[in-house]
Amino acid sequence: MTLNKVIANLENTIAGKNILLANYSDMQQSLSREMDAYQKLYETWHVTIEMLKINIDELKRILADILAVK
């Protein structure tokens, strides 16, 4: 193998790895954005579920009070 061939192989390998690095970096950023979105969605659902639980409990107490008066 000639020195020129070694140089060409190294240049091609470096170029290919730079492309791979750019692609992986893009995928990582995309995944990070999706994870942030899912985390925010999870938090929203969690708060909504907790509010519903509280509201249902309050409504049950109101119903129990009304039934007691009836």
PDB file of N, CA and C in Angstrom:
ATOM      1  N   MET A   1       0.854  -1.164   0.000  1.00  0.00           N
ATOM      2  CA  MET A   1       0.000   0.000   0.000  1.00  0.00           C
ATOM      3  C   MET A   1       0.904   1.232   0.000  1.00  0.00           C
ATOM      4  N   THR A   2       0.563   2.161  -0.837  1.00  0.00           N
ATOM      5  CA  THR A   2       1.382   3.372  -0.949  1.00  0.00           C
ATOM      6  C   THR A   2       0.971   4.386   0.115  1.00  0.00           C
ATOM      7  N   LEU A   3       1.869   5.316   0.320  1.00  0.00           N
ATOM      8  CA  LEU A   3       1.592   6.378   1.280  1.00  0.00           C
ATOM      9  C   LEU A   3       0.373   7.190   0.848  1.00  0.00           C
ATOM     10  N   ASN A   4       0.254   7.424  -0.460  1.00  0.00           N
ATOM     11  CA  ASN A   4      -0.901   8.169  -0.970  1.00  0.00           C
ATOM     12  C   ASN A   4      -2.208   7.425  -0.694  1.00  0.00           C
ATOM     13  N   LYS A   5      -2.173   6.089  -0.795  1.00  0.00           N
ATOM     14  CA  LYS A   5      -3.363   5.278  -0.527  1.00  0.00           C
ATOM     15  C   LYS A   5      -3.732   5.360   0.959  1.00  0.00           C
ATOM     16  N   VAL A   6      -2.731   5.312   1.835  1.00  0.00           N
ATOM     17  CA  VAL A   6      -2.977   5.431   3.275  1.00  0.00           C
ATOM     18  C   VAL A   6      -3.601   6.790   3.583  1.00  0.00           C
ATOM     19  N   ILE A   7      -3.045   7.835   2.973  1.00  0.00           N
ATOM     20  CA  ILE A   7      -3.577   9.188   3.182  1.00  0.00           C
ATOM     21  C   ILE A   7      -5.019   9.269   2.704  1.00  0.00           C
ATOM     22  N   ALA A   8      -5.292   8.724   1.520  1.00  0.00           N
ATOM     23  CA  ALA A   8      -6.651   8.741   0.966  1.00  0.00           C
ATOM     24  C   ALA A   8      -7.615   7.961   1.862  1.00  0.00           C
ATOM     25  N   ASN A   9      -7.182   6.797   2.342  1.00  0.00           N
ATOM     26  CA  ASN A   9      -8.026   5.994   3.233  1.00  0.00           C
ATOM     27  C   ASN A   9      -8.341   6.749   4.526  1.00  0.00           C
ATOM     28  N   LEU A  10      -7.315   7.379   5.088  1.00  0.00           N
ATOM     29  CA  LEU A  10      -7.529   8.146   6.314  1.00  0.00           C
ATOM     30  C   LEU A  10      -8.472   9.324   6.074  1.00  0.00           C
ATOM     31  N   GLU A  11      -8.284  10.020   4.962  1.00  0.00           N
ATOM     32  CA  GLU A  11      -9.162  11.151   4.643  1.00  0.00           C
ATOM     33  C   GLU A  11     -10.608  10.682   4.462  1.00  0.00           C
ATOM     34  N   ASN A  12     -10.794   9.552   3.761  1.00  0.00           N
ATOM     35  CA  ASN A  12     -12.142   9.006   3.564  1.00  0.00           C
ATOM     36  C   ASN A  12     -12.760   8.565   4.890  1.00  0.00           C
ATOM     37  N   THR A  13     -11.954   7.937   5.725  1.00  0.00           N
ATOM     38  CA  THR A  13     -12.448   7.488   7.028  1.00  0.00           C
ATOM     39  C   THR A  13     -12.849   8.677   7.888  1.00  0.00           C
ATOM     40  N   ILE A  14     -12.010   9.700   7.914  1.00  0.00           N
ATOM     41  CA  ILE A  14     -12.313  10.906   8.688  1.00  0.00           C
ATOM     42  C   ILE A  14     -13.581  11.571   8.160  1.00  0.00           C
ATOM     43  N   ALA A  15     -13.705  11.681   6.844  1.00  0.00           N
ATOM     44  CA  ALA A  15     -14.897  12.296   6.247  1.00  0.00           C
ATOM     45  C   ALA A  15     -16.151  11.494   6.598  1.00  0.00           C
ATOM     46  N   GLY A  16     -16.059  10.175   6.495  1.00  0.00           N
ATOM     47  CA  GLY A  16     -17.201   9.324   6.832  1.00  0.00           C
ATOM     48  C   GLY A  16     -17.592   9.443   8.294  1.00  0.00           C
ATOM     49  N   LYS A  17     -16.606   9.488   9.161  1.00  0.00           N
ATOM     50  CA  LYS A  17     -16.890   9.606  10.593  1.00  0.00           C
ATOM     51  C   LYS A  17     -17.455  10.981  10.932  1.00  0.00           C
ATOM     52  N   ASN A  18     -17.025  12.024  10.216  1.00  0.00           N
ATOM     53  CA  ASN A  18     -17.604  13.353  10.417  1.00  0.00           C
ATOM     54  C   ASN A  18     -19.077  13.368  10.022  1.00  0.00           C
ATOM     55  N   ILE A  19     -19.416  12.689   8.934  1.00  0.00           N
ATOM     56  CA  ILE A  19     -20.819  12.581   8.514  1.00  0.00           C
ATOM     57  C   ILE A  19     -21.616  11.817   9.568  1.00  0.00           C
ATOM     58  N   LEU A  20     -21.064  10.704  10.038  1.00  0.00           N
ATOM     59  CA  LEU A  20     -21.720   9.908  11.073  1.00  0.00           C
ATOM     60  C   LEU A  20     -21.917  10.733  12.347  1.00  0.00           C
ATOM     61  N   LEU A  21     -20.899  11.484  12.728  1.00  0.00           N
ATOM     62  CA  LEU A  21     -20.987  12.339  13.908  1.00  0.00           C
ATOM     63  C   LEU A  21     -22.096  13.372  13.746  1.00  0.00           C
ATOM     64  N   ALA A  22     -22.169  14.002  12.587  1.00  0.00           N
ATOM     65  CA  ALA A  22     -23.212  15.003  12.338  1.00  0.00           C
ATOM     66  C   ALA A  22     -24.597  14.362  12.409  1.00  0.00           C
ATOM     67  N   ASN A  23     -24.749  13.176  11.805  1.00  0.00           N
ATOM     68  CA  ASN A  23     -26.040  12.482  11.838  1.00  0.00           C
ATOM     69  C   ASN A  23     -26.427  12.102  13.258  1.00  0.00           C
ATOM     70  N   TYR A  24     -25.488  11.551  14.003  1.00  0.00           N
ATOM     71  CA  TYR A  24     -25.772  11.162  15.387  1.00  0.00           C
ATOM     72  C   TYR A  24     -26.107  12.384  16.240  1.00  0.00           C
ATOM     73  N   SER A  25     -25.400  13.477  16.010  1.00  0.00           N
ATOM     74  CA  SER A  25     -25.677  14.705  16.762  1.00  0.00           C
ATOM     75  C   SER A  25     -27.083  15.211  16.463  1.00  0.00           C
ATOM     76  N   ASP A  26     -27.480  15.178  15.188  1.00  0.00           N
ATOM     77  CA  ASP A  26     -28.837  15.585  14.810  1.00  0.00           C
ATOM     78  C   ASP A  26     -29.878  14.685  15.469  1.00  0.00           C
ATOM     79  N   MET A  27     -29.646  13.369  15.447  1.00  0.00           N
ATOM     80  CA  MET A  27     -30.587  12.433  16.059  1.00  0.00           C
ATOM     81  C   MET A  27     -30.674  12.662  17.565  1.00  0.00           C
ATOM     82  N   GLN A  28     -29.532  12.935  18.188  1.00  0.00           N
ATOM     83  CA  GLN A  28     -29.520  13.175  19.632  1.00  0.00           C
ATOM     84  C   GLN A  28     -30.322  14.426  19.974  1.00  0.00           C
ATOM     85  N   GLN A  29     -30.161  15.485  19.202  1.00  0.00           N
ATOM     86  CA  GLN A  29     -30.908  16.717  19.449  1.00  0.00           C
ATOM     87  C   GLN A  29     -32.399  16.490  19.250  1.00  0.00           C
ATOM     88  N   SER A  30     -32.756  15.749  18.204  1.00  0.00           N
ATOM     89  CA  SER A  30     -34.158  15.441  17.939  1.00  0.00           C
ATOM     90  C   SER A  30     -34.754  14.633  19.083  1.00  0.00           C
ATOM     91  N   LEU A  31     -34.019  13.631  19.536  1.00  0.00           N
ATOM     92  CA  LEU A  31     -34.479  12.804  20.646  1.00  0.00           C
ATOM     93  C   LEU A  31     -34.623  13.641  21.912  1.00  0.00           C
ATOM     94  N   SER A  32     -33.691  14.538  22.131  1.00  0.00           N
ATOM     95  CA  SER A  32     -33.744  15.402  23.312  1.00  0.00           C
ATOM     96  C   SER A  32     -34.993  16.272  23.281  1.00  0.00           C
ATOM     97  N   ARG A  33     -35.324  16.826  22.108  1.00  0.00           N
ATOM     98  CA  ARG A  33     -36.534  17.642  21.987  1.00  0.00           C
ATOM     99  C   ARG A  33     -37.773  16.801  22.243  1.00  0.00           C
ATOM    100  N   GLU A  34     -37.798  15.569  21.705  1.00  0.00           N
ATOM    101  CA  GLU A  34     -38.941  14.688  21.921  1.00  0.00           C
ATOM    102  C   GLU A  34     -39.075  14.333  23.396  1.00  0.00           C
ATOM    103  N   MET A  35     -37.951  14.066  24.048  1.00  0.00           N
ATOM    104  CA  MET A  35     -37.994  13.721  25.470  1.00  0.00           C
ATOM    105  C   MET A  35     -38.514  14.895  26.287  1.00  0.00           C
ATOM    106  N   ASP A  36     -38.094  16.111  25.937  1.00  0.00           N
ATOM    107  CA  ASP A  36     -38.590  17.300  26.626  1.00  0.00           C
ATOM    108  C   ASP A  36     -40.097  17.426  26.437  1.00  0.00           C
ATOM    109  N   ALA A  37     -40.557  17.188  25.204  1.00  0.00           N
ATOM    110  CA  ALA A  37     -41.988  17.280  24.922  1.00  0.00           C
ATOM    111  C   ALA A  37     -42.753  16.221  25.700  1.00  0.00           C
ATOM    112  N   TYR A  38     -42.237  14.987  25.714  1.00  0.00           N
ATOM    113  CA  TYR A  38     -42.909  13.924  26.459  1.00  0.00           C
ATOM    114  C   TYR A  38     -42.898  14.204  27.953  1.00  0.00           C
ATOM    115  N   GLN A  39     -41.827  14.759  28.464  1.00  0.00           N
ATOM    116  CA  GLN A  39     -41.755  15.092  29.890  1.00  0.00           C
ATOM    117  C   GLN A  39     -42.802  16.138  30.232  1.00  0.00           C
ATOM    118  N   LYS A  40     -42.940  17.156  29.390  1.00  0.00           N
ATOM    119  CA  LYS A  40     -43.938  18.194  29.635  1.00  0.00           C
ATOM    120  C   LYS A  40     -45.343  17.615  29.544  1.00  0.00           C
ATOM    121  N   LEU A  41     -45.567  16.727  28.588  1.00  0.00           N
ATOM    122  CA  LEU A  41     -46.865  16.080  28.450  1.00  0.00           C
ATOM    123  C   LEU A  41     -47.158  15.221  29.670  1.00  0.00           C
ATOM    124  N   TYR A  42     -46.172  14.471  30.140  1.00  0.00           N
ATOM    125  CA  TYR A  42     -46.329  13.644  31.337  1.00  0.00           C
ATOM    126  C   TYR A  42     -46.700  14.513  32.540  1.00  0.00           C
ATOM    127  N   GLU A  43     -45.996  15.615  32.703  1.00  0.00           N
ATOM    128  CA  GLU A  43     -46.271  16.503  33.833  1.00  0.00           C
ATOM    129  C   GLU A  43     -47.680  17.073  33.744  1.00  0.00           C
ATOM    130  N   THR A  44     -48.104  17.439  32.536  1.00  0.00           N
ATOM    131  CA  THR A  44     -49.452  17.966  32.339  1.00  0.00           C
ATOM    132  C   THR A  44     -50.492  16.923  32.702  1.00  0.00           C
ATOM    133  N   TRP A  45     -50.312  15.704  32.219  1.00  0.00           N
ATOM    134  CA  TRP A  45     -51.248  14.628  32.548  1.00  0.00           C
ATOM    135  C   TRP A  45     -51.263  14.358  34.047  1.00  0.00           C
ATOM    136  N   HIS A  46     -50.095  14.352  34.660  1.00  0.00           N
ATOM    137  CA  HIS A  46     -50.009  14.090  36.098  1.00  0.00           C
ATOM    138  C   HIS A  46     -50.818  15.125  36.879  1.00  0.00           C
ATOM    139  N   VAL A  47     -50.646  16.394  36.542  1.00  0.00           N
ATOM    140  CA  VAL A  47     -51.377  17.456  37.233  1.00  0.00           C
ATOM    141  C   VAL A  47     -52.875  17.311  36.985  1.00  0.00           C
ATOM    142  N   THR A  48     -53.261  17.032  35.746  1.00  0.00           N
ATOM    143  CA  THR A  48     -54.677  16.866  35.414  1.00  0.00           C
ATOM    144  C   THR A  48     -55.289  15.702  36.183  1.00  0.00           C
ATOM    145  N   ILE A  49     -54.583  14.593  36.251  1.00  0.00           N
ATOM    146  CA  ILE A  49     -55.070  13.418  36.986  1.00  0.00           C
ATOM    147  C   ILE A  49     -55.240  13.748  38.465  1.00  0.00           C
ATOM    148  N   GLU A  50     -54.262  14.424  39.048  1.00  0.00           N
ATOM    149  CA  GLU A  50     -54.356  14.785  40.461  1.00  0.00           C
ATOM    150  C   GLU A  50     -55.526  15.739  40.708  1.00  0.00           C
ATOM    151  N   MET A  51     -55.732  16.699  39.808  1.00  0.00           N
ATOM    152  CA  MET A  51     -56.859  17.620  39.946  1.00  0.00           C
ATOM    153  C   MET A  51     -58.183  16.869  39.846  1.00  0.00           C
ATOM    154  N   LEU A  52     -58.270  15.913  38.933  1.00  0.00           N
ATOM    155  CA  LEU A  52     -59.491  15.120  38.802  1.00  0.00           C
ATOM    156  C   LEU A  52     -59.763  14.309  40.063  1.00  0.00           C
ATOM    157  N   LYS A  53     -58.731  13.722  40.633  1.00  0.00           N
ATOM    158  CA  LYS A  53     -58.904  12.958  41.878  1.00  0.00           C
ATOM    159  C   LYS A  53     -59.456  13.849  42.986  1.00  0.00           C
ATOM    160  N   ILE A  54     -58.880  15.035  43.128  1.00  0.00           N
ATOM    161  CA  ILE A  54     -59.340  15.977  44.152  1.00  0.00           C
ATOM    162  C   ILE A  54     -60.782  16.374  43.884  1.00  0.00           C
ATOM    163  N   ASN A  55     -61.092  16.699  42.630  1.00  0.00           N
ATOM    164  CA  ASN A  55     -62.436  17.127  42.272  1.00  0.00           C
ATOM    165  C   ASN A  55     -63.457  16.020  42.512  1.00  0.00           C
ATOM    166  N   ILE A  56     -63.124  14.797  42.157  1.00  0.00           N
ATOM    167  CA  ILE A  56     -64.031  13.664  42.379  1.00  0.00           C
ATOM    168  C   ILE A  56     -64.276  13.472  43.868  1.00  0.00           C
ATOM    169  N   ASP A  57     -63.224  13.549  44.670  1.00  0.00           N
ATOM    170  CA  ASP A  57     -63.385  13.421  46.125  1.00  0.00           C
ATOM    171  C   ASP A  57     -64.288  14.524  46.680  1.00  0.00           C
ATOM    172  N   GLU A  58     -64.114  15.756  46.200  1.00  0.00           N
ATOM    173  CA  GLU A  58     -64.960  16.864  46.649  1.00  0.00           C
ATOM    174  C   GLU A  58     -66.413  16.621  46.264  1.00  0.00           C
ATOM    175  N   LEU A  59     -66.628  16.169  45.038  1.00  0.00           N
ATOM    176  CA  LEU A  59     -67.995  15.902  44.587  1.00  0.00           C
ATOM    177  C   LEU A  59     -68.636  14.776  45.388  1.00  0.00           C
ATOM    178  N   LYS A  60     -67.864  13.763  45.733  1.00  0.00           N
ATOM    179  CA  LYS A  60     -68.390  12.667  46.562  1.00  0.00           C
ATOM    180  C   LYS A  60     -68.805  13.174  47.940  1.00  0.00           C
ATOM    181  N   ARG A  61     -67.995  14.081  48.515  1.00  0.00           N
ATOM    182  CA  ARG A  61     -68.339  14.643  49.822  1.00  0.00           C
ATOM    183  C   ARG A  61     -69.607  15.492  49.735  1.00  0.00           C
ATOM    184  N   ILE A  62     -69.716  16.279  48.678  1.00  0.00           N
ATOM    185  CA  ILE A  62     -70.924  17.088  48.478  1.00  0.00           C
ATOM    186  C   ILE A  62     -72.139  16.176  48.343  1.00  0.00           C
ATOM    187  N   LEU A  63     -72.017  15.120  47.536  1.00  0.00           N
ATOM    188  CA  LEU A  63     -73.113  14.173  47.357  1.00  0.00           C
ATOM    189  C   LEU A  63     -73.483  13.521  48.684  1.00  0.00           C
ATOM    190  N   ALA A  64     -72.490  13.127  49.455  1.00  0.00           N
ATOM    191  CA  ALA A  64     -72.756  12.502  50.757  1.00  0.00           C
ATOM    192  C   ALA A  64     -73.490  13.471  51.678  1.00  0.00           C
ATOM    193  N   ASP A  65     -73.093  14.744  51.674  1.00  0.00           N
ATOM    194  CA  ASP A  65     -73.772  15.747  52.498  1.00  0.00           C
ATOM    195  C   ASP A  65     -75.223  15.924  52.063  1.00  0.00           C
ATOM    196  N   ILE A  66     -75.451  15.984  50.764  1.00  0.00           N
ATOM    197  CA  ILE A  66     -76.813  16.158  50.245  1.00  0.00           C
ATOM    198  C   ILE A  66     -77.665  14.942  50.575  1.00  0.00           C
ATOM    199  N   LEU A  67     -77.095  13.752  50.412  1.00  0.00           N
ATOM    200  CA  LEU A  67     -77.842  12.531  50.740  1.00  0.00           C
ATOM    201  C   LEU A  67     -78.155  12.463  52.232  1.00  0.00           C
ATOM    202  N   ALA A  68     -77.276  12.974  53.071  1.00  0.00           N
ATOM    203  CA  ALA A  68     -77.506  12.972  54.519  1.00  0.00           C
ATOM    204  C   ALA A  68     -78.653  13.904  54.892  1.00  0.00           C
ATOM    205  N   VAL A  69     -78.793  15.012  54.177  1.00  0.00           N
ATOM    206  CA  VAL A  69     -79.855  15.979  54.440  1.00  0.00           C
ATOM    207  C   VAL A  69     -81.192  15.447  53.929  1.00  0.00           C
ATOM    208  N   LYS A  70     -81.168  14.727  52.860  1.00  0.00           N
ATOM    209  CA  LYS A  70     -82.378  14.191  52.227  1.00  0.00           C
ATOM    210  C   LYS A  70     -83.027  13.247  53.134  1.00  0.00           C
TER     211      LYS A  70
END
